[in-house]
Amino acid sequence: MNRDVSDLVLLNFNDQAASIAINEGTWEVCTNSQFNGSCERMGPGKHEVLNTALDKRISSLRRLY
């Protein structure tokens, strides 16, 4: 993913991610659509294990910088 997505339902990928790879920048991932719910900022790297608050619960994500 290389763009903001306010609702992963639109991509048939809501509540599916169990890991994240970030190539560059800082991203905010949230458990609810429209960047709401429990959110966490993540930087570059392979995040192969998400914490229990995010594991298969991500519904939106956006690049912060």
N, C-alpha and C. Protein backbone atom coordinates (compact mmCIF):
# COMPACT_ATOMS: atom_id res chain seq x y z
N MET A 1 0.85 -1.17 0.00
CA MET A 1 0.00 0.00 0.00
C MET A 1 0.89 1.23 0.00
N ASN A 2 0.62 2.16 -0.85
CA ASN A 2 1.45 3.37 -0.90
C ASN A 2 0.61 4.64 -0.83
N ARG A 3 -0.62 4.50 -0.34
CA ARG A 3 -1.50 5.67 -0.23
C ARG A 3 -2.38 5.52 1.00
N ASP A 4 -2.94 6.63 1.43
CA ASP A 4 -3.87 6.61 2.56
C ASP A 4 -5.12 5.83 2.18
N VAL A 5 -5.65 5.09 3.14
CA VAL A 5 -6.91 4.38 2.94
C VAL A 5 -7.75 4.60 4.19
N SER A 6 -8.87 5.30 4.03
CA SER A 6 -9.71 5.62 5.18
C SER A 6 -10.65 4.48 5.58
N ASP A 7 -10.81 3.50 4.69
CA ASP A 7 -11.67 2.36 5.01
C ASP A 7 -11.23 1.14 4.19
N LEU A 8 -10.57 0.20 4.83
CA LEU A 8 -10.06 -0.98 4.13
C LEU A 8 -11.16 -1.91 3.64
N VAL A 9 -12.40 -1.69 4.05
CA VAL A 9 -13.52 -2.47 3.52
C VAL A 9 -13.59 -2.28 2.00
N LEU A 10 -13.28 -1.08 1.54
CA LEU A 10 -13.33 -0.78 0.11
C LEU A 10 -12.35 -1.61 -0.71
N LEU A 11 -11.31 -2.12 -0.06
CA LEU A 11 -10.30 -2.95 -0.74
C LEU A 11 -10.42 -4.42 -0.35
N ASN A 12 -11.50 -4.77 0.33
CA ASN A 12 -11.71 -6.14 0.81
C ASN A 12 -10.54 -6.62 1.67
N PHE A 13 -10.00 -5.72 2.51
CA PHE A 13 -8.86 -6.08 3.35
C PHE A 13 -9.05 -5.60 4.79
N ASN A 14 -10.28 -5.36 5.18
CA ASN A 14 -10.55 -4.91 6.55
C ASN A 14 -10.30 -6.04 7.55
N ASP A 15 -9.64 -5.70 8.64
CA ASP A 15 -9.37 -6.65 9.74
C ASP A 15 -8.66 -7.91 9.26
N GLN A 16 -7.70 -7.77 8.35
CA GLN A 16 -6.99 -8.92 7.79
C GLN A 16 -5.50 -8.92 8.10
N ALA A 17 -4.89 -7.76 8.23
CA ALA A 17 -3.43 -7.67 8.34
C ALA A 17 -2.92 -8.25 9.67
N ALA A 18 -1.95 -9.16 9.54
CA ALA A 18 -1.29 -9.74 10.70
C ALA A 18 0.17 -9.27 10.78
N SER A 19 0.63 -8.57 9.74
CA SER A 19 1.97 -8.00 9.71
C SER A 19 1.97 -6.82 8.73
N ILE A 20 2.99 -5.98 8.85
CA ILE A 20 3.08 -4.80 7.98
C ILE A 20 4.55 -4.57 7.63
N ALA A 21 4.82 -4.26 6.39
CA ALA A 21 6.15 -3.84 5.96
C ALA A 21 6.05 -2.40 5.48
N ILE A 22 6.83 -1.52 6.10
CA ILE A 22 6.82 -0.11 5.75
C ILE A 22 8.17 0.24 5.13
N ASN A 23 8.14 0.70 3.89
CA ASN A 23 9.37 1.02 3.18
C ASN A 23 9.95 2.36 3.57
N GLU A 24 9.09 3.36 3.75
CA GLU A 24 9.57 4.69 4.12
C GLU A 24 8.47 5.49 4.76
N GLY A 25 8.86 6.48 5.53
CA GLY A 25 7.91 7.35 6.19
C GLY A 25 7.35 6.77 7.47
N THR A 26 6.51 7.55 8.10
CA THR A 26 5.80 7.12 9.30
C THR A 26 4.32 7.03 8.96
N TRP A 27 3.73 5.91 9.33
CA TRP A 27 2.33 5.65 9.03
C TRP A 27 1.54 5.49 10.32
N GLU A 28 0.27 5.89 10.27
CA GLU A 28 -0.65 5.67 11.38
C GLU A 28 -1.65 4.61 10.93
N VAL A 29 -1.76 3.56 11.72
CA VAL A 29 -2.74 2.50 11.44
C VAL A 29 -3.77 2.51 12.56
N CYS A 30 -5.05 2.35 12.19
CA CYS A 30 -6.13 2.48 13.16
C CYS A 30 -7.10 1.30 13.06
N THR A 31 -7.74 0.99 14.17
CA THR A 31 -8.65 -0.15 14.22
C THR A 31 -10.03 0.16 13.67
N ASN A 32 -10.36 1.42 13.47
CA ASN A 32 -11.65 1.79 12.90
C ASN A 32 -11.43 2.58 11.61
N SER A 33 -12.44 2.64 10.78
CA SER A 33 -12.35 3.43 9.55
C SER A 33 -12.24 4.91 9.89
N GLN A 34 -11.88 5.69 8.90
CA GLN A 34 -11.74 7.14 9.03
C GLN A 34 -10.69 7.55 10.07
N PHE A 35 -9.70 6.67 10.30
CA PHE A 35 -8.58 6.93 11.20
C PHE A 35 -9.02 7.14 12.65
N ASN A 36 -9.98 6.34 13.06
CA ASN A 36 -10.51 6.38 14.42
C ASN A 36 -10.19 5.08 15.15
N GLY A 37 -10.61 5.01 16.39
CA GLY A 37 -10.36 3.83 17.20
C GLY A 37 -8.97 3.89 17.80
N SER A 38 -8.42 2.74 18.08
CA SER A 38 -7.07 2.64 18.61
C SER A 38 -6.09 2.78 17.45
N CYS A 39 -5.18 3.77 17.54
CA CYS A 39 -4.23 4.03 16.46
C CYS A 39 -2.80 3.92 16.98
N GLU A 40 -1.91 3.57 16.06
CA GLU A 40 -0.49 3.47 16.40
C GLU A 40 0.33 3.98 15.24
N ARG A 41 1.41 4.68 15.55
CA ARG A 41 2.35 5.15 14.53
C ARG A 41 3.43 4.10 14.33
N MET A 42 3.77 3.86 13.07
CA MET A 42 4.77 2.85 12.74
C MET A 42 5.74 3.41 11.73
N GLY A 43 7.03 3.14 11.95
CA GLY A 43 8.07 3.60 11.05
C GLY A 43 8.55 2.49 10.14
N PRO A 44 9.57 2.79 9.33
CA PRO A 44 10.09 1.83 8.37
C PRO A 44 10.56 0.52 9.02
N GLY A 45 10.35 -0.55 8.28
CA GLY A 45 10.80 -1.87 8.73
C GLY A 45 9.72 -2.91 8.53
N LYS A 46 10.08 -4.14 8.86
CA LYS A 46 9.13 -5.25 8.79
C LYS A 46 8.56 -5.47 10.18
N HIS A 47 7.28 -5.24 10.30
CA HIS A 47 6.58 -5.44 11.57
C HIS A 47 5.84 -6.77 11.43
N GLU A 48 6.58 -7.85 11.69
CA GLU A 48 6.06 -9.19 11.43
C GLU A 48 5.05 -9.67 12.47
N VAL A 49 5.10 -9.05 13.65
CA VAL A 49 4.13 -9.41 14.70
C VAL A 49 3.51 -8.11 15.20
N LEU A 50 2.21 -7.97 15.02
CA LEU A 50 1.51 -6.79 15.51
C LEU A 50 1.04 -7.03 16.93
N ASN A 51 0.95 -5.95 17.71
CA ASN A 51 0.44 -6.12 19.08
C ASN A 51 -1.03 -6.52 19.03
N THR A 52 -1.54 -7.01 20.12
CA THR A 52 -2.91 -7.55 20.13
C THR A 52 -3.97 -6.49 19.82
N ALA A 53 -3.65 -5.23 20.06
CA ALA A 53 -4.62 -4.17 19.75
C ALA A 53 -4.80 -4.00 18.24
N LEU A 54 -3.78 -4.37 17.44
CA LEU A 54 -3.84 -4.17 15.99
C LEU A 54 -3.95 -5.46 15.18
N ASP A 55 -3.54 -6.57 15.74
CA ASP A 55 -3.50 -7.83 14.99
C ASP A 55 -4.86 -8.18 14.40
N LYS A 56 -4.93 -8.19 13.08
CA LYS A 56 -6.15 -8.47 12.33
C LYS A 56 -7.31 -7.56 12.73
N ARG A 57 -6.98 -6.30 13.07
CA ARG A 57 -8.01 -5.33 13.45
C ARG A 57 -7.85 -4.00 12.72
N ILE A 58 -6.91 -3.90 11.80
CA ILE A 58 -6.65 -2.61 11.13
C ILE A 58 -7.73 -2.33 10.08
N SER A 59 -8.31 -1.13 10.18
CA SER A 59 -9.39 -0.73 9.26
C SER A 59 -9.05 0.52 8.45
N SER A 60 -8.00 1.26 8.84
CA SER A 60 -7.58 2.43 8.07
C SER A 60 -6.11 2.70 8.33
N LEU A 61 -5.46 3.34 7.36
CA LEU A 61 -4.06 3.70 7.50
C LEU A 61 -3.74 4.92 6.67
N ARG A 62 -2.80 5.73 7.17
CA ARG A 62 -2.40 6.93 6.43
C ARG A 62 -0.95 7.27 6.74
N ARG A 63 -0.33 7.87 5.74
CA ARG A 63 1.05 8.31 5.91
C ARG A 63 1.06 9.65 6.60
N LEU A 64 1.86 9.78 7.64
CA LEU A 64 1.95 11.03 8.38
C LEU A 64 3.07 11.91 7.83
N TYR A 65 4.24 11.31 7.56
CA TYR A 65 5.37 12.04 6.99
C TYR A 65 6.42 11.07 6.56
